[in-house]
N, C-alpha and C. Protein backbone atom coordinates (compact mmCIF):
# COMPACT_ATOMS: atom_id res chain seq x y z
N MET A 1 12.66 23.82 1.41
CA MET A 1 11.85 22.51 1.52
C MET A 1 12.74 21.38 1.43
N ALA A 2 12.42 20.38 2.19
CA ALA A 2 13.08 19.01 2.21
C ALA A 2 12.87 18.27 1.03
N THR A 3 13.87 17.48 0.53
CA THR A 3 13.60 16.66 -0.64
C THR A 3 13.83 15.17 -0.16
N VAL A 4 13.03 14.48 -0.70
CA VAL A 4 13.08 12.92 -0.53
C VAL A 4 13.28 12.26 -2.01
N PHE A 5 13.55 10.98 -2.05
CA PHE A 5 13.90 10.34 -3.27
C PHE A 5 12.95 9.22 -3.31
N VAL A 6 11.95 9.17 -4.25
CA VAL A 6 11.01 8.11 -4.61
C VAL A 6 11.66 7.04 -5.54
N VAL A 7 11.54 5.75 -5.19
CA VAL A 7 11.80 4.60 -5.87
C VAL A 7 10.69 3.91 -6.61
N GLN A 8 10.76 3.75 -7.74
CA GLN A 8 9.59 2.92 -8.50
C GLN A 8 10.30 1.87 -9.36
N HIS A 9 9.60 0.84 -9.66
CA HIS A 9 10.08 -0.04 -10.80
C HIS A 9 8.78 -0.22 -11.73
N SER A 10 9.22 -0.14 -13.01
CA SER A 10 8.19 -0.24 -14.04
C SER A 10 8.79 -1.26 -15.15
N TYR A 11 7.84 -1.87 -15.80
CA TYR A 11 8.21 -2.70 -17.06
C TYR A 11 6.91 -3.04 -17.83
N GLU A 12 7.10 -3.27 -19.13
CA GLU A 12 5.92 -3.49 -20.01
C GLU A 12 5.97 -5.05 -20.29
N GLU A 13 4.78 -5.59 -20.42
CA GLU A 13 4.62 -6.91 -20.74
C GLU A 13 3.36 -6.95 -21.77
N GLY A 14 3.77 -6.97 -22.96
CA GLY A 14 2.95 -6.73 -24.15
C GLY A 14 2.43 -5.33 -24.11
N GLU A 15 1.10 -5.15 -24.20
CA GLU A 15 0.54 -3.78 -24.03
C GLU A 15 0.28 -3.40 -22.62
N HIS A 16 0.46 -4.13 -21.71
CA HIS A 16 0.34 -3.80 -20.25
C HIS A 16 1.64 -3.38 -19.57
N GLU A 17 1.46 -2.07 -18.89
CA GLU A 17 2.56 -1.58 -18.22
C GLU A 17 2.33 -1.91 -16.67
N GLU A 18 3.32 -2.33 -15.97
CA GLU A 18 3.16 -2.71 -14.57
C GLU A 18 4.22 -1.73 -13.82
N THR A 19 3.73 -1.08 -13.04
CA THR A 19 4.46 -0.13 -12.04
C THR A 19 4.30 -0.45 -10.42
N LYS A 20 5.46 -0.52 -9.76
CA LYS A 20 5.34 -0.86 -8.37
C LYS A 20 6.09 0.23 -7.65
N PHE A 21 5.39 0.75 -6.59
CA PHE A 21 5.97 1.64 -5.73
C PHE A 21 7.02 1.03 -4.71
N ILE A 22 8.17 1.37 -4.72
CA ILE A 22 9.10 0.59 -3.78
C ILE A 22 9.43 1.31 -2.53
N GLY A 23 9.63 2.67 -2.37
CA GLY A 23 9.67 3.35 -1.24
C GLY A 23 10.17 4.90 -1.44
N VAL A 24 10.12 5.54 -0.24
CA VAL A 24 10.65 6.95 -0.19
C VAL A 24 11.92 7.02 0.76
N TYR A 25 13.02 7.67 0.16
CA TYR A 25 14.24 7.66 1.03
C TYR A 25 14.74 9.02 1.12
N ALA A 26 15.49 9.17 2.35
CA ALA A 26 15.98 10.53 2.64
C ALA A 26 17.16 10.93 1.84
N SER A 27 17.78 10.13 1.15
CA SER A 27 19.05 10.46 0.41
C SER A 27 19.09 9.56 -0.86
N VAL A 28 19.88 10.17 -1.87
CA VAL A 28 20.11 9.37 -3.18
C VAL A 28 20.75 8.04 -2.76
N ALA A 29 21.69 8.02 -1.98
CA ALA A 29 22.50 6.96 -1.54
C ALA A 29 21.60 5.87 -1.07
N ALA A 30 20.72 6.21 -0.18
CA ALA A 30 19.70 5.29 0.51
C ALA A 30 18.74 4.67 -0.68
N ALA A 31 18.40 5.60 -1.51
CA ALA A 31 17.47 5.17 -2.78
C ALA A 31 18.37 4.04 -3.61
N GLU A 32 19.54 4.44 -3.77
CA GLU A 32 20.29 3.60 -4.61
C GLU A 32 20.49 2.22 -4.01
N GLU A 33 20.78 2.16 -2.63
CA GLU A 33 20.95 0.76 -1.96
C GLU A 33 19.68 0.04 -2.07
N ALA A 34 18.48 0.75 -2.02
CA ALA A 34 17.20 -0.03 -2.05
C ALA A 34 17.25 -0.59 -3.47
N VAL A 35 17.41 0.10 -4.45
CA VAL A 35 17.48 -0.35 -5.84
C VAL A 35 18.33 -1.82 -5.92
N THR A 36 19.58 -1.47 -5.29
CA THR A 36 20.41 -2.75 -5.33
C THR A 36 19.94 -3.97 -4.60
N ARG A 37 19.22 -3.71 -3.61
CA ARG A 37 18.58 -4.93 -2.86
C ARG A 37 17.46 -5.41 -3.76
N MET A 38 16.62 -4.60 -4.21
CA MET A 38 15.46 -5.03 -5.05
C MET A 38 15.94 -5.89 -6.20
N ARG A 39 17.02 -5.54 -6.90
CA ARG A 39 17.42 -6.03 -8.22
C ARG A 39 17.65 -7.63 -8.05
N GLU A 40 17.82 -8.03 -6.86
CA GLU A 40 18.12 -9.54 -6.60
C GLU A 40 16.89 -10.31 -6.18
N LEU A 41 15.73 -9.63 -6.14
CA LEU A 41 14.54 -10.37 -5.65
C LEU A 41 13.77 -10.89 -6.97
N PRO A 42 13.06 -12.02 -6.67
CA PRO A 42 12.21 -12.50 -7.90
C PRO A 42 11.36 -11.59 -8.65
N GLY A 43 11.34 -11.59 -9.77
CA GLY A 43 10.67 -10.69 -10.71
C GLY A 43 11.54 -9.43 -11.01
N PHE A 44 11.99 -8.78 -10.08
CA PHE A 44 12.76 -7.57 -10.29
C PHE A 44 14.11 -7.98 -11.15
N LYS A 45 14.69 -9.22 -10.66
CA LYS A 45 15.98 -9.53 -11.30
C LYS A 45 15.77 -9.99 -12.77
N ASN A 46 14.41 -10.10 -13.30
CA ASN A 46 14.15 -10.35 -14.67
C ASN A 46 14.02 -9.02 -15.49
N HIS A 47 13.72 -7.80 -14.68
CA HIS A 47 13.65 -6.68 -15.22
C HIS A 47 14.51 -5.54 -14.51
N ARG A 48 15.80 -5.81 -14.44
CA ARG A 48 16.79 -5.21 -13.69
C ARG A 48 16.82 -3.61 -14.05
N GLU A 49 16.48 -3.21 -15.22
CA GLU A 49 16.60 -1.80 -15.64
C GLU A 49 15.39 -1.06 -15.50
N GLY A 50 14.42 -1.52 -14.90
CA GLY A 50 13.02 -0.87 -14.64
C GLY A 50 12.99 0.01 -13.50
N PHE A 51 13.99 0.44 -12.83
CA PHE A 51 14.02 1.16 -11.62
C PHE A 51 14.28 2.63 -11.87
N THR A 52 13.50 3.51 -11.22
CA THR A 52 13.69 4.96 -11.34
C THR A 52 13.76 5.50 -10.01
N ILE A 53 14.60 6.46 -9.80
CA ILE A 53 14.79 7.34 -8.65
C ILE A 53 14.43 8.76 -8.89
N ASN A 54 13.48 9.33 -8.34
CA ASN A 54 12.94 10.76 -8.60
C ASN A 54 13.06 11.62 -7.30
N ALA A 55 13.71 12.80 -7.57
CA ALA A 55 13.63 13.70 -6.29
C ALA A 55 12.22 14.32 -6.20
N CYS A 56 11.70 14.38 -4.87
CA CYS A 56 10.43 14.99 -4.81
C CYS A 56 10.43 15.86 -3.42
N GLU A 57 10.01 17.18 -3.79
CA GLU A 57 9.96 17.96 -2.58
C GLU A 57 8.76 17.84 -1.75
N VAL A 58 9.13 17.76 -0.44
CA VAL A 58 7.97 17.56 0.47
C VAL A 58 7.16 18.71 0.83
N GLY A 59 5.78 18.60 0.86
CA GLY A 59 4.98 19.73 1.02
C GLY A 59 4.61 20.45 -0.16
N GLN A 60 4.62 19.87 -1.28
CA GLN A 60 4.28 20.65 -2.57
C GLN A 60 3.44 19.62 -3.34
N ASP A 61 2.43 20.32 -4.00
CA ASP A 61 1.66 19.55 -4.95
C ASP A 61 2.35 19.17 -6.23
N HIS A 62 2.42 17.90 -6.51
CA HIS A 62 2.97 17.48 -7.79
C HIS A 62 2.14 17.13 -8.89
N TRP A 63 0.87 16.95 -8.57
CA TRP A 63 -0.14 16.81 -9.63
C TRP A 63 -1.00 17.96 -9.52
N THR A 64 -1.04 18.90 -10.43
CA THR A 64 -1.85 20.07 -10.28
C THR A 64 -2.97 20.21 -11.34
N GLU A 65 -3.41 19.07 -12.06
CA GLU A 65 -4.44 19.21 -12.84
C GLU A 65 -5.39 18.00 -12.47
N GLY A 66 -6.58 18.06 -12.97
CA GLY A 66 -7.55 16.95 -12.69
C GLY A 66 -7.12 15.74 -13.47
N PHE A 67 -8.04 14.75 -13.58
CA PHE A 67 -7.73 13.64 -14.40
C PHE A 67 -9.03 13.06 -15.01
N SER A 68 -8.83 12.19 -16.07
CA SER A 68 -10.08 11.45 -16.70
C SER A 68 -9.52 10.25 -16.96
N SER A 69 -10.56 9.22 -16.71
CA SER A 69 -10.25 7.84 -17.06
C SER A 69 -10.76 7.69 -18.56
N LEU A 70 -9.93 6.88 -19.27
CA LEU A 70 -10.19 6.64 -20.63
C LEU A 70 -10.26 5.13 -20.84
N ALA A 71 -11.17 4.82 -21.79
CA ALA A 71 -11.48 3.42 -22.20
C ALA A 71 -11.62 3.43 -23.63
N THR A 72 -11.37 2.16 -24.18
CA THR A 72 -11.59 1.93 -25.48
C THR A 72 -13.10 1.24 -25.50
N ILE A 73 -13.92 1.94 -26.43
CA ILE A 73 -15.27 1.35 -26.63
C ILE A 73 -15.44 1.18 -28.16
N PHE A 74 -16.45 0.39 -28.58
CA PHE A 74 -16.80 0.12 -29.95
C PHE A 74 -18.07 0.74 -30.37
N VAL A 75 -17.90 1.56 -31.50
CA VAL A 75 -19.07 2.10 -32.05
C VAL A 75 -19.45 1.48 -33.36
N PRO A 76 -20.73 1.36 -33.56
CA PRO A 76 -21.30 0.66 -34.78
C PRO A 76 -20.95 1.59 -36.04
N LEU A 77 -20.70 0.93 -37.03
CA LEU A 77 -20.54 1.72 -38.30
C LEU A 77 -21.92 1.63 -39.08
N LEU A 78 -22.19 2.72 -39.78
CA LEU A 78 -23.38 2.67 -40.57
C LEU A 78 -23.01 2.39 -42.05
N ASP A 79 -24.05 1.99 -42.84
CA ASP A 79 -24.02 1.73 -44.12
C ASP A 79 -23.03 0.46 -44.45
N GLN A 80 -23.02 -0.38 -43.66
CA GLN A 80 -22.27 -1.76 -43.84
C GLN A 80 -23.17 -2.90 -44.16
N THR A 81 -22.66 -3.84 -44.89
CA THR A 81 -23.46 -5.02 -45.36
C THR A 81 -23.52 -5.99 -44.18
N VAL A 82 -22.47 -5.98 -43.32
CA VAL A 82 -22.62 -6.85 -42.16
C VAL A 82 -22.34 -5.83 -40.92
N VAL A 83 -22.70 -6.36 -39.74
CA VAL A 83 -22.45 -5.64 -38.48
C VAL A 83 -21.00 -5.32 -38.33
N SER A 84 -20.51 -3.99 -38.27
CA SER A 84 -19.14 -3.70 -38.10
C SER A 84 -18.97 -2.61 -37.07
N TRP A 85 -17.90 -2.67 -36.38
CA TRP A 85 -17.48 -1.74 -35.27
C TRP A 85 -16.25 -1.03 -35.54
N ILE A 86 -16.04 0.11 -34.92
CA ILE A 86 -14.71 0.83 -34.93
C ILE A 86 -14.38 1.06 -33.44
N PRO A 87 -13.19 0.77 -33.02
CA PRO A 87 -12.83 1.16 -31.80
C PRO A 87 -12.53 2.62 -31.61
N VAL A 88 -12.87 3.26 -30.51
CA VAL A 88 -12.69 4.71 -30.37
C VAL A 88 -12.27 4.78 -28.79
N GLU A 89 -11.54 5.91 -28.52
CA GLU A 89 -11.31 6.33 -27.19
C GLU A 89 -12.46 7.13 -26.57
N ALA A 90 -12.77 6.90 -25.41
CA ALA A 90 -13.84 7.55 -24.54
C ALA A 90 -13.54 7.90 -23.19
N GLU A 91 -14.04 8.94 -22.79
CA GLU A 91 -13.75 9.45 -21.27
C GLU A 91 -14.97 8.77 -20.35
N LEU A 92 -14.54 8.00 -19.26
CA LEU A 92 -15.65 7.42 -18.45
C LEU A 92 -16.17 8.77 -17.70
N LEU A 93 -17.37 8.63 -17.67
CA LEU A 93 -18.20 9.79 -16.87
C LEU A 93 -18.90 8.99 -15.77
N PRO A 94 -19.49 9.76 -14.80
CA PRO A 94 -20.25 9.19 -13.68
C PRO A 94 -21.52 8.61 -14.38
N GLY A 95 -21.99 7.46 -13.71
CA GLY A 95 -23.20 6.82 -14.06
C GLY A 95 -22.83 5.75 -15.20
N SER A 96 -21.65 5.34 -15.33
CA SER A 96 -21.26 4.35 -16.38
C SER A 96 -21.57 4.83 -17.85
N LEU A 97 -21.49 6.14 -18.05
CA LEU A 97 -21.53 6.89 -19.34
C LEU A 97 -20.14 7.11 -19.83
N TYR A 98 -20.12 7.31 -21.22
CA TYR A 98 -18.78 7.53 -21.94
C TYR A 98 -18.89 8.68 -22.88
N ARG A 99 -17.99 9.49 -22.77
CA ARG A 99 -17.98 10.64 -23.78
C ARG A 99 -16.89 10.22 -24.81
N ILE A 100 -17.42 10.15 -26.12
CA ILE A 100 -16.49 9.89 -27.25
C ILE A 100 -15.49 11.00 -27.52
N ILE A 101 -14.23 10.55 -27.50
CA ILE A 101 -13.09 11.70 -27.71
C ILE A 101 -12.56 11.55 -29.17
N THR A 102 -12.44 10.21 -29.82
CA THR A 102 -11.87 10.11 -30.99
C THR A 102 -12.82 10.66 -32.09
N ARG A 103 -12.05 11.43 -32.91
CA ARG A 103 -12.88 12.11 -34.13
C ARG A 103 -12.70 11.33 -35.38
N ASN A 104 -13.80 11.16 -36.16
CA ASN A 104 -13.87 10.65 -37.45
C ASN A 104 -13.01 11.59 -38.36
N GLU A 105 -11.83 11.64 -38.43
CA GLU A 105 -10.97 12.54 -39.29
C GLU A 105 -11.19 12.53 -40.72
N ASP A 106 -11.30 11.22 -41.34
CA ASP A 106 -11.21 11.25 -42.71
C ASP A 106 -12.72 11.21 -43.26
N GLY A 107 -13.76 10.83 -42.38
CA GLY A 107 -15.14 10.83 -42.79
C GLY A 107 -15.45 9.91 -43.91
N LYS A 108 -14.61 8.87 -44.09
CA LYS A 108 -14.95 7.92 -45.09
C LYS A 108 -15.93 6.84 -44.52
N GLU A 109 -15.97 6.65 -43.31
CA GLU A 109 -16.97 5.81 -42.67
C GLU A 109 -17.94 6.60 -41.96
N ARG A 110 -19.08 6.22 -41.70
CA ARG A 110 -20.16 6.81 -41.04
C ARG A 110 -20.22 6.11 -39.65
N TRP A 111 -20.18 6.81 -38.62
CA TRP A 111 -20.19 6.19 -37.27
C TRP A 111 -21.59 6.52 -36.76
N ARG A 112 -22.16 5.52 -36.02
CA ARG A 112 -23.46 5.73 -35.41
C ARG A 112 -23.33 6.85 -34.25
N TYR A 113 -22.26 6.94 -33.54
CA TYR A 113 -21.89 7.87 -32.59
C TYR A 113 -20.71 8.67 -32.95
N ASN A 114 -20.51 10.01 -32.65
CA ASN A 114 -19.39 10.72 -32.96
C ASN A 114 -18.80 11.41 -31.82
N ALA A 115 -17.70 12.02 -32.01
CA ALA A 115 -16.86 12.70 -30.94
C ALA A 115 -17.90 13.70 -30.35
N GLY A 116 -17.73 13.83 -28.95
CA GLY A 116 -18.52 14.79 -28.23
C GLY A 116 -19.89 14.16 -27.61
N GLN A 117 -20.24 13.09 -28.20
CA GLN A 117 -21.40 12.52 -27.81
C GLN A 117 -21.29 11.67 -26.48
N VAL A 118 -22.34 11.63 -25.66
CA VAL A 118 -22.29 10.84 -24.35
C VAL A 118 -23.17 9.60 -24.79
N VAL A 119 -22.50 8.40 -24.46
CA VAL A 119 -23.18 7.14 -24.98
C VAL A 119 -23.18 6.21 -23.63
N ARG A 120 -24.30 5.38 -23.72
CA ARG A 120 -24.27 4.26 -22.79
C ARG A 120 -23.58 2.99 -23.37
N CYS A 121 -23.08 2.11 -22.65
CA CYS A 121 -22.28 1.01 -23.17
C CYS A 121 -22.81 -0.32 -22.48
N GLU A 122 -22.62 -1.41 -23.11
CA GLU A 122 -22.83 -2.68 -22.58
C GLU A 122 -21.77 -3.58 -23.06
N ALA A 123 -21.39 -4.61 -22.19
CA ALA A 123 -20.52 -5.57 -22.54
C ALA A 123 -20.84 -6.46 -23.51
N ARG A 124 -20.09 -6.79 -24.54
CA ARG A 124 -20.47 -7.75 -25.63
C ARG A 124 -19.16 -8.56 -25.98
N VAL A 125 -19.32 -9.53 -26.74
CA VAL A 125 -18.12 -10.32 -27.28
C VAL A 125 -18.03 -10.10 -28.87
N ILE A 126 -17.00 -9.46 -29.21
CA ILE A 126 -16.65 -9.30 -30.52
C ILE A 126 -15.53 -9.89 -30.90
N ASP A 127 -15.51 -10.80 -31.99
CA ASP A 127 -14.29 -11.45 -32.53
C ASP A 127 -13.63 -12.31 -31.15
N GLY A 128 -14.49 -12.87 -30.38
CA GLY A 128 -14.02 -13.56 -29.16
C GLY A 128 -13.49 -12.78 -28.15
N GLU A 129 -13.35 -11.41 -28.20
CA GLU A 129 -12.94 -10.62 -27.06
C GLU A 129 -14.14 -9.90 -26.37
N ARG A 130 -14.09 -9.88 -25.19
CA ARG A 130 -15.22 -9.10 -24.34
C ARG A 130 -14.78 -7.60 -24.35
N CYS A 131 -15.72 -6.69 -24.90
CA CYS A 131 -15.61 -5.33 -25.01
C CYS A 131 -16.69 -4.56 -24.54
N LEU A 132 -16.66 -3.22 -24.45
CA LEU A 132 -17.75 -2.29 -24.32
C LEU A 132 -18.20 -1.88 -25.69
N VAL A 133 -19.57 -1.74 -25.83
CA VAL A 133 -20.12 -1.51 -27.16
C VAL A 133 -21.10 -0.33 -26.94
N ALA A 134 -21.08 0.74 -27.56
CA ALA A 134 -22.01 1.92 -27.40
C ALA A 134 -23.32 1.35 -27.87
N VAL A 135 -24.46 1.60 -27.28
CA VAL A 135 -25.84 1.19 -27.50
C VAL A 135 -26.87 2.12 -27.51
N GLY A 136 -26.35 3.35 -27.19
CA GLY A 136 -27.47 4.44 -27.26
C GLY A 136 -26.77 5.59 -26.60
N THR A 137 -27.38 6.85 -26.78
CA THR A 137 -26.87 8.07 -26.23
C THR A 137 -27.61 8.29 -24.87
N ALA A 138 -26.89 9.25 -24.08
CA ALA A 138 -27.36 9.31 -22.73
C ALA A 138 -28.83 10.00 -22.80
N VAL A 139 -29.04 10.82 -23.97
CA VAL A 139 -30.35 11.47 -24.00
C VAL A 139 -31.41 10.48 -24.35
N ASP A 140 -31.21 9.28 -24.91
CA ASP A 140 -32.13 8.29 -25.11
C ASP A 140 -32.77 7.85 -23.87
N ASP A 141 -32.06 8.11 -22.64
CA ASP A 141 -32.67 7.70 -21.45
C ASP A 141 -33.67 8.67 -20.91
N LEU A 142 -33.74 9.91 -21.42
CA LEU A 142 -34.74 10.87 -20.97
C LEU A 142 -36.06 10.68 -21.38
């Protein structure tokens, strides 16, 4: 099979990672020449070490599993004297529903919703930040 060389550029800015697809080249030398050209351009010259060159076989699947989109949502805590929330990871499902993934490992806090439950969320502002808050389970809609 034929092999091509994929050039990308990535860098992190705080908690945000930015990745740019640069191009596909027929040889390592051509890919390296592209990196040399890009390093002098605005933005790239501030992140010169962010380039990668990866060999890739043509005509072959390179992603062989499905995927899920994850989001951080906030779940209300029970038995609190003031309204309190805990951030958890959740899988985005069709219909704007979320399946909670994070487990309450230590059990010291009581969560309104737990791992495995499918919840509806709405946007709210908590501590000045806009976020998604679990407001009910999917079965509440039935």
